[in-house]
Amino acid sequence: MVKSKEWNWATVTDEIWNEPSEDSYYYLHRWMEKKFERFLDLGCGLGRHSILFAKNGFLTDSIDLSPYAVEQLTQKAKE
């Protein structure tokens, strides 16, 4: 049986999580071409992909198990 370790987001620096991955820009452009309107980000973490899609007009739903990560994303979304 695999033992899981709880991730403590409060101890992780934001630097590597601030910018969306290169792949997300590919999907953003493809989905815009196809006129998709919604984006579901499961395991959103600090929301780097959620924010990218929301800023580009997508109705975005973001879900994460970490209350800290969700709180950080909520704060970023207000900015």
N, C-alpha and C. Protein backbone atom coordinates (compact mmCIF):
# COMPACT_ATOMS: atom_id res chain seq x y z
N MET A 1 0.83 -1.18 0.00
CA MET A 1 0.00 0.00 0.00
C MET A 1 0.89 1.25 0.00
N VAL A 2 0.53 2.20 -0.82
CA VAL A 2 1.28 3.45 -0.92
C VAL A 2 0.83 4.40 0.18
N LYS A 3 1.81 4.95 0.89
CA LYS A 3 1.48 5.94 1.91
C LYS A 3 1.55 7.32 1.29
N SER A 4 0.55 8.12 1.54
CA SER A 4 0.56 9.47 0.99
C SER A 4 1.03 10.44 2.05
N LYS A 5 1.62 11.51 1.57
CA LYS A 5 2.11 12.55 2.46
C LYS A 5 1.29 13.81 2.18
N GLU A 6 0.81 14.43 3.24
CA GLU A 6 0.03 15.65 3.05
C GLU A 6 0.96 16.77 2.63
N TRP A 7 0.54 17.53 1.63
CA TRP A 7 1.33 18.63 1.09
C TRP A 7 1.02 19.89 1.87
N ASN A 8 2.04 20.57 2.34
CA ASN A 8 1.85 21.80 3.09
C ASN A 8 2.13 22.99 2.18
N TRP A 9 1.09 23.56 1.60
CA TRP A 9 1.25 24.66 0.65
C TRP A 9 1.85 25.90 1.29
N ALA A 10 1.66 26.06 2.58
CA ALA A 10 2.16 27.26 3.26
C ALA A 10 3.68 27.33 3.26
N THR A 11 4.34 26.19 3.03
CA THR A 11 5.81 26.18 3.04
C THR A 11 6.41 26.24 1.65
N VAL A 12 5.59 26.31 0.64
CA VAL A 12 6.06 26.32 -0.75
C VAL A 12 6.15 27.76 -1.25
N THR A 13 7.26 28.08 -1.89
CA THR A 13 7.36 29.43 -2.46
C THR A 13 6.50 29.51 -3.71
N ASP A 14 6.01 30.70 -3.98
CA ASP A 14 5.10 30.90 -5.11
C ASP A 14 5.80 30.98 -6.45
N GLU A 15 7.10 31.17 -6.47
CA GLU A 15 7.80 31.48 -7.72
C GLU A 15 7.50 30.53 -8.87
N ILE A 16 7.62 29.24 -8.66
CA ILE A 16 7.42 28.30 -9.77
C ILE A 16 5.96 28.13 -10.13
N TRP A 17 5.06 28.58 -9.29
CA TRP A 17 3.64 28.39 -9.53
C TRP A 17 2.95 29.64 -10.05
N ASN A 18 3.70 30.71 -10.26
CA ASN A 18 3.09 31.97 -10.71
C ASN A 18 2.73 31.97 -12.18
N GLU A 19 3.51 31.34 -12.99
CA GLU A 19 3.30 31.37 -14.44
C GLU A 19 2.66 30.08 -14.93
N PRO A 20 1.70 30.19 -15.83
CA PRO A 20 1.09 28.99 -16.41
C PRO A 20 2.12 28.18 -17.20
N SER A 21 1.89 26.90 -17.30
CA SER A 21 2.77 26.03 -18.08
C SER A 21 2.64 26.36 -19.56
N GLU A 22 3.65 25.99 -20.33
CA GLU A 22 3.62 26.23 -21.78
C GLU A 22 2.42 25.54 -22.42
N ASP A 23 2.12 24.34 -21.97
CA ASP A 23 0.99 23.60 -22.53
C ASP A 23 -0.33 24.34 -22.36
N SER A 24 -0.48 25.06 -21.28
CA SER A 24 -1.75 25.74 -21.03
C SER A 24 -2.02 26.82 -22.08
N TYR A 25 -0.98 27.45 -22.61
CA TYR A 25 -1.18 28.44 -23.67
C TYR A 25 -1.66 27.77 -24.95
N TYR A 26 -1.13 26.59 -25.22
CA TYR A 26 -1.58 25.82 -26.38
C TYR A 26 -3.08 25.53 -26.27
N TYR A 27 -3.49 24.99 -25.11
CA TYR A 27 -4.90 24.66 -24.91
C TYR A 27 -5.77 25.91 -24.90
N LEU A 28 -5.28 26.98 -24.33
CA LEU A 28 -6.04 28.23 -24.32
C LEU A 28 -6.38 28.66 -25.74
N HIS A 29 -5.39 28.67 -26.62
CA HIS A 29 -5.62 29.10 -28.00
C HIS A 29 -6.52 28.12 -28.75
N ARG A 30 -6.32 26.84 -28.54
CA ARG A 30 -7.17 25.84 -29.20
C ARG A 30 -8.62 25.97 -28.76
N TRP A 31 -8.82 26.13 -27.47
CA TRP A 31 -10.19 26.21 -26.95
C TRP A 31 -10.85 27.52 -27.35
N MET A 32 -10.07 28.57 -27.48
CA MET A 32 -10.64 29.83 -27.96
C MET A 32 -11.08 29.69 -29.42
N GLU A 33 -10.27 28.99 -30.23
CA GLU A 33 -10.63 28.74 -31.63
C GLU A 33 -11.92 27.94 -31.72
N LYS A 34 -12.09 26.99 -30.80
CA LYS A 34 -13.29 26.14 -30.82
C LYS A 34 -14.47 26.79 -30.11
N LYS A 35 -14.27 28.00 -29.62
CA LYS A 35 -15.32 28.78 -28.94
C LYS A 35 -15.80 28.12 -27.65
N PHE A 36 -14.92 27.40 -26.98
CA PHE A 36 -15.27 26.87 -25.66
C PHE A 36 -15.39 28.05 -24.71
N GLU A 37 -16.26 27.91 -23.71
CA GLU A 37 -16.52 29.01 -22.79
C GLU A 37 -16.20 28.70 -21.34
N ARG A 38 -16.02 27.42 -21.01
CA ARG A 38 -15.83 27.03 -19.61
C ARG A 38 -14.50 26.32 -19.43
N PHE A 39 -13.95 26.48 -18.23
CA PHE A 39 -12.69 25.82 -17.87
C PHE A 39 -12.82 25.26 -16.46
N LEU A 40 -12.56 23.97 -16.30
CA LEU A 40 -12.60 23.31 -15.00
C LEU A 40 -11.17 22.94 -14.63
N ASP A 41 -10.69 23.47 -13.52
CA ASP A 41 -9.32 23.23 -13.07
C ASP A 41 -9.36 22.37 -11.81
N LEU A 42 -9.20 21.06 -11.98
CA LEU A 42 -9.19 20.12 -10.86
C LEU A 42 -7.78 20.05 -10.30
N GLY A 43 -7.64 20.21 -9.01
CA GLY A 43 -6.31 20.27 -8.42
C GLY A 43 -5.63 21.58 -8.80
N CYS A 44 -6.36 22.65 -8.66
CA CYS A 44 -5.92 23.95 -9.19
C CYS A 44 -4.71 24.54 -8.48
N GLY A 45 -4.40 24.05 -7.29
CA GLY A 45 -3.27 24.63 -6.57
C GLY A 45 -3.49 26.11 -6.34
N LEU A 46 -2.49 26.91 -6.64
CA LEU A 46 -2.58 28.35 -6.43
C LEU A 46 -3.28 29.07 -7.58
N GLY A 47 -3.70 28.32 -8.60
CA GLY A 47 -4.57 28.87 -9.62
C GLY A 47 -3.93 29.47 -10.85
N ARG A 48 -2.69 29.10 -11.13
CA ARG A 48 -2.02 29.73 -12.28
C ARG A 48 -2.76 29.49 -13.59
N HIS A 49 -3.35 28.33 -13.77
CA HIS A 49 -4.09 28.06 -15.00
C HIS A 49 -5.50 28.65 -14.93
N SER A 50 -6.12 28.58 -13.77
CA SER A 50 -7.46 29.16 -13.61
C SER A 50 -7.44 30.65 -13.94
N ILE A 51 -6.44 31.35 -13.45
CA ILE A 51 -6.35 32.79 -13.69
C ILE A 51 -6.12 33.08 -15.16
N LEU A 52 -5.26 32.31 -15.80
CA LEU A 52 -5.00 32.50 -17.24
C LEU A 52 -6.29 32.39 -18.04
N PHE A 53 -7.06 31.34 -17.79
CA PHE A 53 -8.28 31.12 -18.55
C PHE A 53 -9.35 32.16 -18.21
N ALA A 54 -9.46 32.52 -16.94
CA ALA A 54 -10.45 33.53 -16.54
C ALA A 54 -10.14 34.88 -17.17
N LYS A 55 -8.86 35.24 -17.21
CA LYS A 55 -8.47 36.52 -17.82
C LYS A 55 -8.76 36.55 -19.32
N ASN A 56 -8.90 35.38 -19.91
CA ASN A 56 -9.19 35.30 -21.34
C ASN A 56 -10.66 34.99 -21.62
N GLY A 57 -11.51 35.26 -20.64
CA GLY A 57 -12.95 35.20 -20.86
C GLY A 57 -13.65 33.89 -20.55
N PHE A 58 -12.93 32.91 -20.04
CA PHE A 58 -13.56 31.63 -19.72
C PHE A 58 -14.26 31.71 -18.36
N LEU A 59 -15.42 31.10 -18.26
CA LEU A 59 -16.06 30.90 -16.97
C LEU A 59 -15.29 29.76 -16.31
N THR A 60 -14.65 30.05 -15.20
CA THR A 60 -13.68 29.13 -14.63
C THR A 60 -14.13 28.60 -13.27
N ASP A 61 -14.10 27.27 -13.12
CA ASP A 61 -14.35 26.61 -11.84
C ASP A 61 -13.05 25.96 -11.40
N SER A 62 -12.64 26.21 -10.17
CA SER A 62 -11.36 25.71 -9.66
C SER A 62 -11.59 24.93 -8.37
N ILE A 63 -10.98 23.75 -8.29
CA ILE A 63 -11.16 22.88 -7.13
C ILE A 63 -9.80 22.38 -6.66
N ASP A 64 -9.59 22.42 -5.34
CA ASP A 64 -8.37 21.87 -4.76
C ASP A 64 -8.67 21.38 -3.35
N LEU A 65 -7.95 20.37 -2.91
CA LEU A 65 -8.14 19.83 -1.57
C LEU A 65 -7.51 20.71 -0.49
N SER A 66 -6.58 21.55 -0.88
CA SER A 66 -5.87 22.39 0.08
C SER A 66 -6.63 23.69 0.35
N PRO A 67 -7.11 23.88 1.57
CA PRO A 67 -7.78 25.14 1.90
C PRO A 67 -6.86 26.35 1.70
N TYR A 68 -5.59 26.18 1.99
CA TYR A 68 -4.63 27.28 1.80
C TYR A 68 -4.55 27.67 0.33
N ALA A 69 -4.45 26.69 -0.55
CA ALA A 69 -4.35 26.98 -1.98
C ALA A 69 -5.62 27.68 -2.48
N VAL A 70 -6.77 27.21 -2.05
CA VAL A 70 -8.03 27.82 -2.47
C VAL A 70 -8.12 29.26 -1.96
N GLU A 71 -7.69 29.48 -0.74
CA GLU A 71 -7.71 30.84 -0.19
C GLU A 71 -6.78 31.77 -0.98
N GLN A 72 -5.60 31.27 -1.35
CA GLN A 72 -4.67 32.08 -2.14
C GLN A 72 -5.27 32.42 -3.50
N LEU A 73 -5.89 31.44 -4.14
CA LEU A 73 -6.52 31.68 -5.44
C LEU A 73 -7.66 32.68 -5.31
N THR A 74 -8.44 32.56 -4.26
CA THR A 74 -9.54 33.50 -4.04
C THR A 74 -9.02 34.93 -3.91
N GLN A 75 -7.92 35.09 -3.20
CA GLN A 75 -7.32 36.43 -3.06
C GLN A 75 -6.81 36.95 -4.40
N LYS A 76 -6.15 36.09 -5.17
CA LYS A 76 -5.64 36.51 -6.49
C LYS A 76 -6.79 36.88 -7.43
N ALA A 77 -7.89 36.15 -7.33
CA ALA A 77 -9.03 36.40 -8.21
C ALA A 77 -9.67 37.77 -7.94
N LYS A 78 -9.54 38.25 -6.72
CA LYS A 78 -10.10 39.55 -6.36
C LYS A 78 -9.28 40.71 -6.91
N GLU A 79 -8.03 40.45 -7.25
CA GLU A 79 -7.13 41.51 -7.73
C GLU A 79 -7.42 41.90 -9.16
